[in-house]
Protein backbone atom coordinates (compact mmCIF):
# COMPACT_ATOMS: atom_id res chain seq x y z
CA MET A 1 -0.10 -0.17 -0.13
CA ASP A 2 1.03 3.56 -0.82
CA ILE A 3 2.68 5.19 2.40
CA VAL A 4 1.04 8.39 1.79
CA LEU A 5 -2.47 6.56 1.58
CA LEU A 6 -1.57 4.43 4.74
CA LEU A 7 -0.87 7.85 6.72
CA ASN A 8 -4.15 8.91 5.81
CA TYR A 9 -5.76 6.13 6.90
CA ALA A 10 -4.05 6.07 10.21
CA ILE A 11 -4.77 9.84 10.75
CA ALA A 12 -8.42 9.51 9.98
CA PHE A 13 -9.11 6.36 12.33
CA LEU A 14 -6.94 8.24 14.81
CA SER A 15 -8.96 11.15 14.79
CA LEU A 16 -12.19 9.36 14.66
CA PHE A 17 -11.21 7.11 17.62
CA SER A 18 -10.44 10.30 19.89
CA VAL A 19 -13.23 12.34 19.09
CA ASN A 20 -15.83 9.36 19.79
CA VAL A 21 -13.81 8.27 23.18
CA PHE A 22 -14.89 12.01 24.41
CA ILE A 23 -18.54 11.54 23.14
CA ILE A 24 -18.65 7.57 24.88
CA LEU A 25 -17.35 9.01 28.35
CA TYR A 26 -19.89 11.76 28.15
CA LEU A 27 -22.94 9.70 27.57
CA LYS A 28 -21.71 7.40 30.27
CA HIS A 29 -21.01 9.64 32.81
CA ARG A 30 -23.88 12.72 31.93
CA LYS A 31 -25.93 12.02 34.88
CA ASP A 32 -22.39 13.10 36.77
CA TYR A 33 -21.56 15.79 34.80
CA HIS A 34 -22.93 18.57 36.87
CA LYS A 35 -22.89 16.45 40.23
CA ILE A 36 -21.23 18.41 43.00
CA PRO A 37 -20.18 16.35 46.23
CA GLU A 38 -22.15 16.88 49.54
CA ASP A 39 -21.24 20.01 51.18
CA ASP A 40 -20.31 18.83 54.66
CA GLY A 41 -19.83 22.15 56.12
CA TRP A 42 -16.02 22.06 56.21
CA ARG A 43 -14.59 25.43 55.71
CA PRO A 44 -10.69 25.28 55.94
CA MET A 45 -8.24 28.30 55.90
CA VAL A 46 -7.99 29.29 52.61
CA SER A 47 -5.01 31.22 51.21
CA VAL A 48 -5.23 32.63 47.63
CA ILE A 49 -2.04 33.55 45.82
CA MET A 50 -2.31 36.24 43.04
CA PRO A 51 1.09 36.65 40.99
CA ALA A 52 1.09 39.76 39.18
CA HIS A 53 3.09 41.42 36.37
CA ASN A 54 1.96 44.53 34.65
CA GLU A 55 -1.45 43.67 35.51
CA GLY A 56 -2.82 47.32 36.69
CA LYS A 57 -5.30 47.35 33.99
CA TYR A 58 -7.49 44.14 35.69
CA ILE A 59 -6.05 43.50 39.39
CA SER A 60 -8.24 45.92 41.32
CA LYS A 61 -11.38 44.20 39.72
CA SER A 62 -10.05 41.08 40.63
CA ILE A 63 -9.39 41.24 44.14
CA LYS A 64 -12.86 42.88 44.71
CA SER A 65 -14.12 39.87 42.98
CA LEU A 66 -12.20 37.50 45.73
CA LEU A 67 -13.24 39.80 48.61
CA GLU A 68 -16.74 39.61 47.61
CA MET A 69 -16.73 35.87 48.24
CA ASP A 70 -19.37 33.82 50.16
CA TYR A 71 -16.92 32.54 52.31
CA PRO A 72 -15.97 33.23 56.05
CA LYS A 73 -13.69 36.07 56.10
CA ASP A 74 -12.02 34.88 58.98
CA LYS A 75 -11.01 31.78 56.98
CA LEU A 76 -9.97 33.50 53.65
CA GLU A 77 -6.75 35.31 53.15
CA LEU A 78 -5.27 36.91 49.80
CA ILE A 79 -1.50 37.21 49.09
CA VAL A 80 -0.38 39.52 46.12
CA VAL A 81 3.18 39.13 44.67
CA ASP A 82 3.94 41.84 42.06
CA ASP A 83 6.69 40.11 40.45
CA GLY A 84 8.83 43.65 39.40
CA SER A 85 6.00 44.92 37.67
CA THR A 86 6.50 48.86 35.72
CA ASP A 87 3.16 49.59 35.71
CA ASP A 88 0.70 50.78 38.68
CA THR A 89 0.01 47.24 39.77
CA TYR A 90 2.07 47.59 42.99
CA PRO A 91 0.04 50.88 44.37
CA LEU A 92 -3.05 49.26 43.19
CA ALA A 93 -2.73 46.31 44.78
CA SER A 94 -1.50 48.00 48.03
CA SER A 95 -4.75 50.19 48.61
CA PHE A 96 -6.40 47.05 49.36
CA GLU A 97 -3.86 45.65 52.06
CA SER A 98 -5.60 44.68 55.49
CA SER A 99 -5.30 42.25 57.99
CA SER A 100 -6.49 39.52 55.10
CA VAL A 101 -4.64 40.82 52.06
CA HIS A 102 -1.15 40.88 52.19
CA VAL A 103 0.82 42.64 49.30
CA PHE A 104 4.43 41.75 48.47
CA HIS A 105 7.01 43.49 45.95
CA LYS A 106 9.78 41.50 44.25
CA GLU A 107 12.53 41.28 41.83
CA ASN A 108 11.18 40.07 38.21
CA LYS A 109 11.94 36.44 38.13
CA GLY A 110 8.78 35.13 36.52
CA LYS A 111 5.36 33.53 37.58
CA GLY A 112 6.52 30.47 38.96
CA SER A 113 9.06 32.09 41.09
CA ALA A 114 5.87 34.50 42.40
CA LEU A 115 3.86 31.75 42.95
CA ASN A 116 6.54 30.18 45.37
CA PHE A 117 7.20 33.38 46.97
CA GLY A 118 3.65 33.31 48.04
CA LEU A 119 3.65 29.48 49.07
CA ALA A 120 6.12 30.43 51.54
CA LYS A 121 3.79 33.21 52.76
CA ALA A 122 0.60 31.03 52.95
CA LYS A 123 -1.06 29.85 55.92
CA GLY A 124 -4.26 27.93 54.52
CA GLU A 125 -4.81 23.92 54.64
CA ILE A 126 -6.13 24.93 51.02
CA VAL A 127 -3.98 27.03 48.67
CA ALA A 128 -5.54 28.70 45.54
CA THR A 129 -4.12 29.98 42.79
CA MET A 130 -5.51 33.04 40.98
CA ASP A 131 -4.51 35.40 37.81
CA ALA A 132 -4.70 39.01 38.10
CA ASP A 133 -7.06 39.29 35.07
CA SER A 134 -9.73 36.68 36.44
CA TYR A 135 -12.64 37.30 38.42
CA LEU A 136 -14.88 34.66 40.72
CA LYS A 137 -18.40 34.38 41.26
CA LYS A 138 -19.51 34.79 44.83
CA ASP A 139 -20.06 30.76 45.28
CA THR A 140 -16.76 29.54 42.96
CA ILE A 141 -15.13 28.76 46.57
CA LEU A 142 -18.13 27.21 47.89
CA LYS A 143 -18.72 24.72 45.07
CA LEU A 144 -14.95 23.73 44.83
CA ILE A 145 -14.33 22.96 48.94
CA PRO A 146 -16.59 19.90 48.49
CA HIS A 147 -14.31 18.15 46.49
CA PHE A 148 -11.89 17.89 48.87
CA ASN A 149 -14.04 15.37 50.83
CA ASP A 150 -12.35 12.80 49.26
CA PRO A 151 -8.70 12.65 51.02
CA GLU A 152 -6.70 11.44 47.74
CA VAL A 153 -7.67 14.73 45.99
CA MET A 154 -4.82 17.24 45.76
CA ALA A 155 -6.36 19.66 43.53
CA VAL A 156 -9.52 20.98 42.03
CA THR A 157 -9.99 23.05 39.01
CA PRO A 158 -12.98 25.53 38.27
CA ALA A 159 -15.13 26.22 35.24
CA VAL A 160 -12.51 28.94 33.35
CA LYS A 161 -14.71 31.04 30.99
CA ILE A 162 -14.63 33.91 28.68
CA LYS A 163 -17.79 36.38 29.08
CA PRO A 164 -19.62 36.68 26.08
CA SER A 165 -18.77 40.00 23.62
CA ASP A 166 -19.29 41.19 20.25
CA SER A 167 -15.64 40.43 19.43
CA TRP A 168 -14.94 37.79 17.03
CA ILE A 169 -11.46 36.93 18.41
CA LYS A 170 -13.23 36.50 22.35
CA GLU A 171 -16.39 34.59 20.78
CA LEU A 172 -13.50 32.24 18.95
CA GLN A 173 -11.62 31.55 22.33
CA ARG A 174 -15.36 31.43 24.18
CA VAL A 175 -16.05 28.51 21.97
CA GLU A 176 -12.71 27.22 22.72
CA TYR A 177 -12.68 27.49 26.23
CA LEU A 178 -16.09 25.65 26.62
CA MET A 179 -14.46 23.03 24.50
CA ILE A 180 -11.40 22.51 26.58
CA LEU A 181 -13.60 22.71 29.86
CA PHE A 182 -15.91 19.83 28.62
CA SER A 183 -12.95 17.93 27.35
CA ARG A 184 -11.33 18.14 30.76
CA LYS A 185 -14.55 17.22 32.81
CA ILE A 186 -14.56 14.18 30.84
CA LEU A 187 -10.92 13.03 31.38
CA ASN A 188 -11.97 13.90 35.11
CA PHE A 189 -14.09 10.54 34.97
CA ILE A 190 -10.75 8.63 34.19
CA ASP A 191 -8.49 10.33 36.33
CA SER A 192 -6.87 12.15 33.62
CA VAL A 193 -7.01 16.08 34.69
CA PRO A 194 -3.91 17.35 32.94
CA VAL A 195 -3.87 20.87 33.86
CA THR A 196 -4.66 23.09 37.23
CA PRO A 197 -5.54 26.62 35.25
CA GLY A 198 -3.85 29.63 36.24
CA PRO A 199 -7.06 31.89 36.26
CA PHE A 200 -8.36 30.09 39.73
CA SER A 201 -7.20 26.74 40.89
CA MET A 202 -7.12 25.05 44.51
CA PHE A 203 -4.78 22.83 46.27
CA ARG A 204 -4.51 20.69 49.39
CA ALA A 205 -1.38 22.97 50.96
CA VAL A 206 0.15 19.46 51.62
CA VAL A 207 0.65 18.59 48.17
CA PHE A 208 3.46 20.92 47.75
CA ASP A 209 5.12 19.38 50.82
CA LYS A 210 5.02 15.78 49.07
CA VAL A 211 5.87 16.88 45.48
CA GLY A 212 7.41 20.33 45.72
CA GLY A 213 6.32 23.85 44.54
CA PHE A 214 5.93 25.29 41.23
CA SER A 215 8.67 24.98 38.65
CA GLU A 216 10.64 28.28 38.02
CA ASN A 217 11.66 27.67 34.62
CA ASN A 218 8.47 26.72 32.89
CA LEU A 219 6.20 28.41 30.21
CA VAL A 220 3.07 26.63 31.62
CA GLU A 221 3.55 26.19 35.24
CA ASP A 222 -0.02 25.25 35.88
CA GLN A 223 0.56 22.37 33.69
CA GLU A 224 3.58 20.98 34.98
CA ILE A 225 2.43 21.34 38.61
CA ALA A 226 -0.55 19.12 37.54
CA LEU A 227 1.62 16.53 35.53
CA ARG A 228 3.68 15.99 38.88
CA ILE A 229 0.75 15.54 40.99
CA GLN A 230 -0.43 13.25 38.65
CA SER A 231 2.95 11.47 38.53
CA HIS A 232 2.71 10.82 42.27
CA ASN A 233 -0.99 8.89 41.79
CA TYR A 234 -2.94 11.85 43.55
CA LYS A 235 -6.16 12.68 42.20
CA ILE A 236 -7.38 16.12 40.65
CA ARG A 237 -10.89 16.75 39.92
CA SER A 238 -12.62 19.03 37.75
CA SER A 239 -16.01 21.33 38.38
CA VAL A 240 -18.15 22.78 35.52
CA THR A 241 -19.99 24.46 37.87
CA ALA A 242 -17.86 26.73 40.07
CA ASP A 243 -17.13 29.37 37.54
CA VAL A 244 -14.30 31.55 36.87
CA TYR A 245 -13.89 34.25 34.16
CA THR A 246 -10.58 35.05 32.74
CA GLU A 247 -9.31 38.29 30.27
CA PRO A 248 -8.59 36.59 26.93
CA PRO A 249 -6.29 38.22 24.22
CA SER A 250 -7.96 40.71 22.22
CA ASN A 251 -6.36 40.64 18.99
CA LEU A 252 -4.76 38.03 16.71
CA SER A 253 -1.14 38.99 17.75
CA GLU A 254 -1.83 38.05 21.25
CA LEU A 255 -3.86 35.14 20.85
CA LEU A 256 -0.95 33.68 18.75
CA HIS A 257 1.68 34.88 21.42
CA GLN A 258 -0.34 33.22 24.16
CA ARG A 259 -0.83 29.82 22.28
CA VAL A 260 2.57 29.33 20.98
CA ARG A 261 3.77 29.79 25.12
CA TRP A 262 1.14 27.09 25.52
CA GLN A 263 2.50 24.64 22.81
CA ARG A 264 5.83 24.96 23.85
CA GLY A 265 5.34 24.75 27.27
CA GLY A 266 3.13 21.48 26.68
CA PHE A 267 5.54 19.86 24.63
CA ARG A 268 8.55 20.44 26.71
CA ASN A 269 6.25 19.09 30.09
CA PHE A 270 4.94 15.99 28.35
CA TRP A 271 8.24 15.23 27.11
CA HIS A 272 9.61 15.70 30.46
CA TYR A 273 7.16 13.06 31.99
CA ARG A 274 6.63 10.60 28.97
CA PHE A 275 7.88 8.19 31.57
CA MET A 276 4.55 7.84 32.87
CA ILE A 277 3.44 5.97 29.52
CA LYS A 278 3.13 3.09 32.02
CA PRO A 279 0.11 1.01 33.49
CA GLU A 280 0.77 1.99 36.90
CA TYR A 281 -0.16 5.52 36.04
CA GLY A 282 -3.64 4.30 34.98
CA ASP A 283 -5.37 5.65 32.21
CA PHE A 284 -3.32 9.06 32.45
CA GLY A 285 -0.54 6.90 31.22
CA ILE A 286 -1.83 4.43 29.06
CA TYR A 287 -3.95 6.64 27.10
CA PHE A 288 -3.69 10.59 27.58
CA VAL A 289 0.21 10.91 27.75
CA PRO A 290 0.37 8.72 24.66
CA LEU A 291 -2.43 10.78 22.99
CA ASN A 292 -0.70 14.04 23.27
CA PHE A 293 2.42 12.86 21.30
CA ILE A 294 0.33 10.84 18.74
CA SER A 295 -1.98 14.15 18.39
CA MET A 296 0.98 16.33 17.95
CA THR A 297 2.79 14.06 15.38
CA ALA A 298 -0.29 12.88 13.39
CA PHE A 299 -1.05 17.12 12.86
CA PHE A 300 2.64 17.78 11.99
CA LEU A 301 1.94 14.78 9.26
CA LEU A 302 -1.59 15.84 8.34
CA LEU A 303 -0.35 19.14 7.39
CA GLY A 304 2.81 17.62 5.43
CA LEU A 305 0.24 15.21 3.50
CA MET A 306 -1.90 18.37 2.70
CA LEU A 307 1.18 20.32 1.26
CA TYR A 308 2.31 17.09 -0.58
CA SER A 309 -1.14 16.51 -1.90
CA PHE A 310 -1.75 20.16 -3.02
CA ILE A 311 1.87 19.77 -5.06
CA SER A 312 1.20 16.62 -6.78
CA THR A 313 -2.55 16.82 -7.49
CA PRO A 314 -2.38 17.02 -11.13
CA TYR A 315 -4.09 20.45 -12.82
CA TYR A 316 -7.40 19.52 -13.59
CA VAL A 317 -7.90 18.45 -9.56
CA GLN A 318 -6.93 21.43 -8.20
CA TYR A 319 -9.13 23.77 -10.72
CA ILE A 320 -12.24 21.44 -11.64
CA TRP A 321 -12.90 20.68 -8.33
CA VAL A 322 -16.77 19.41 -8.78
CA ASP A 323 -15.46 16.28 -11.08
CA ALA A 324 -12.40 16.29 -8.72
CA LEU A 325 -14.84 15.19 -5.79
CA GLY A 326 -16.62 13.06 -7.52
CA MET A 327 -13.60 11.17 -8.86
CA SER A 328 -12.07 10.92 -5.48
CA ILE A 329 -14.34 9.62 -2.61
CA THR A 330 -12.29 6.83 -1.02
CA LEU A 331 -12.83 5.55 2.34
CA VAL A 332 -10.28 8.13 3.70
CA SER A 333 -12.43 11.01 2.87
CA LEU A 334 -15.39 8.63 4.25
CA VAL A 335 -13.89 8.50 7.58
CA GLY A 336 -13.03 12.23 7.15
CA VAL A 337 -16.84 12.87 7.20
CA PHE A 338 -17.46 10.72 10.08
CA VAL A 339 -14.73 13.07 11.71
CA VAL A 340 -16.46 15.93 10.95
CA ILE A 341 -19.53 14.51 12.10
CA SER A 342 -18.47 13.27 15.42
CA SER A 343 -16.58 16.88 15.85
CA THR A 344 -19.51 18.63 15.35
CA ILE A 345 -21.41 16.73 17.75
CA MET A 346 -18.92 16.83 20.29
CA LEU A 347 -19.10 20.66 20.01
CA HIS A 348 -22.87 20.69 20.02
CA LEU A 349 -22.54 18.38 23.47
CA ALA A 350 -20.16 20.66 24.89
CA ILE A 351 -21.84 24.12 24.15
CA LYS A 352 -25.16 22.27 25.49
CA SER A 353 -23.89 21.17 28.80
CA PHE A 354 -23.41 24.62 29.94
CA GLU A 355 -26.63 26.24 30.93
CA GLY A 356 -26.99 29.93 29.92
CA GLU A 357 -23.96 29.63 27.95
CA ARG A 358 -25.35 30.77 24.70
CA VAL A 359 -23.22 30.94 21.75
CA LYS A 360 -24.52 32.62 18.18
CA LEU A 361 -24.50 30.57 15.12
CA ARG A 362 -21.80 32.62 13.46
CA TYR A 363 -19.43 32.36 16.16
CA LEU A 364 -19.88 28.36 16.04
CA ALA A 365 -19.28 28.34 12.37
CA SER A 366 -16.59 30.48 12.81
CA PHE A 367 -14.62 28.06 15.13
CA VAL A 368 -15.60 25.24 12.98
CA ILE A 369 -14.18 26.70 9.70
CA PHE A 370 -11.43 28.76 11.05
CA TYR A 371 -9.95 27.05 14.01
CA TRP A 372 -7.90 24.46 11.95
CA TYR A 373 -6.06 27.63 10.51
CA LEU A 374 -5.25 28.79 13.88
CA MET A 375 -3.76 25.81 14.77
CA ILE A 376 -1.53 25.47 11.80
CA GLY A 377 -0.46 29.35 12.82
CA TYR A 378 0.50 28.57 16.65
CA ASN A 379 1.94 25.32 15.93
CA THR A 380 4.14 26.23 12.83
CA LEU A 381 5.30 29.20 14.96
CA PHE A 382 5.85 26.62 17.96
CA LEU A 383 7.89 24.52 16.11
CA ILE A 384 10.21 27.16 14.65
CA LYS A 385 10.60 28.97 17.97
CA GLU A 386 11.64 25.49 19.63
CA LEU A 387 13.95 24.64 17.05
CA ARG A 388 15.52 28.32 17.28
CA LYS A 389 15.22 27.83 21.14
CA GLU A 390 13.89 31.52 21.74
CA SER A 391 13.63 32.66 25.34
CA PHE A 392 10.11 33.61 26.71
CA SER A 393 8.82 35.18 29.60
CA TRP A 394 5.59 36.03 30.87
């Protein structure tokens, strides 16, 4: 069999398999999708660490959202760590200083360093990390705390969302975030949550004594700490009812900058934790970690095959596309149709699973049509920057 055709078959069937695994898991666990563990009234001391670097535009709103929590005030402390900001982040944060709000200024050494600085100051039994451009709903903490009823749970992630807007680029990301949240909740059912998102995540404080603090030389430290927790066979849970809103990039340049960082950091992290591809790490080790490497390889193979196909396809197939369509229906193209159908079903389930999250049809269509091209952009830049070993900071 022709190697090009064989690769097409492999990629098509892998895509179909991956998408349908999520759909099947959702259908199997749909009754537990929105389920919250019973609240037994436990109200531990919670220390929230907010690292900040040039966040003067958002930090006041972020702090206010935390201080307005429906949580005992004497059981909540905020530790703001200004990591060498050059704007008004520090004076703005300092205006909130009180017996429960502590603001520190340190030399710029990166987000991981700022988080560890805060960890050294934290007094809580539960430690939360919170980006300085994210906002909580009043019941967010109360909805996350019950997940710690299970003593093996060391971290809990919230429903990180983007507020609706009339911005095309933000709405595209809003759909993406809902898809990511949907996927993370599904992975929750097979103990494979791969990230504790920076906008807000909660940890049992003792986990840092067991696995260490945040990596200070990592592009996505919130993913690295999750992988480290998984490598110790502790549990991470994901909530779809505890809402946290974050400020997304507002233009394509900022979006690509962010996604390239995510891709570079993600590749490095999973490569570092490749030793987890073993049965002793459960579904996370035998399914999710390999899937990341296979998916990345498949993406670049598919991109190469598309370029090869375009270059090698005869003139009449490129330009008389109606005739070509009728002449080129193969098993690969049929599987491709099923992949598109399955992906659309998954998108529908993801949006439908979040009550009140209405997305206009034009934005859903934009996501389906344009997201592939966005992936080509940031994955190509990721590869170039990694090969050049370019530096990156927050």
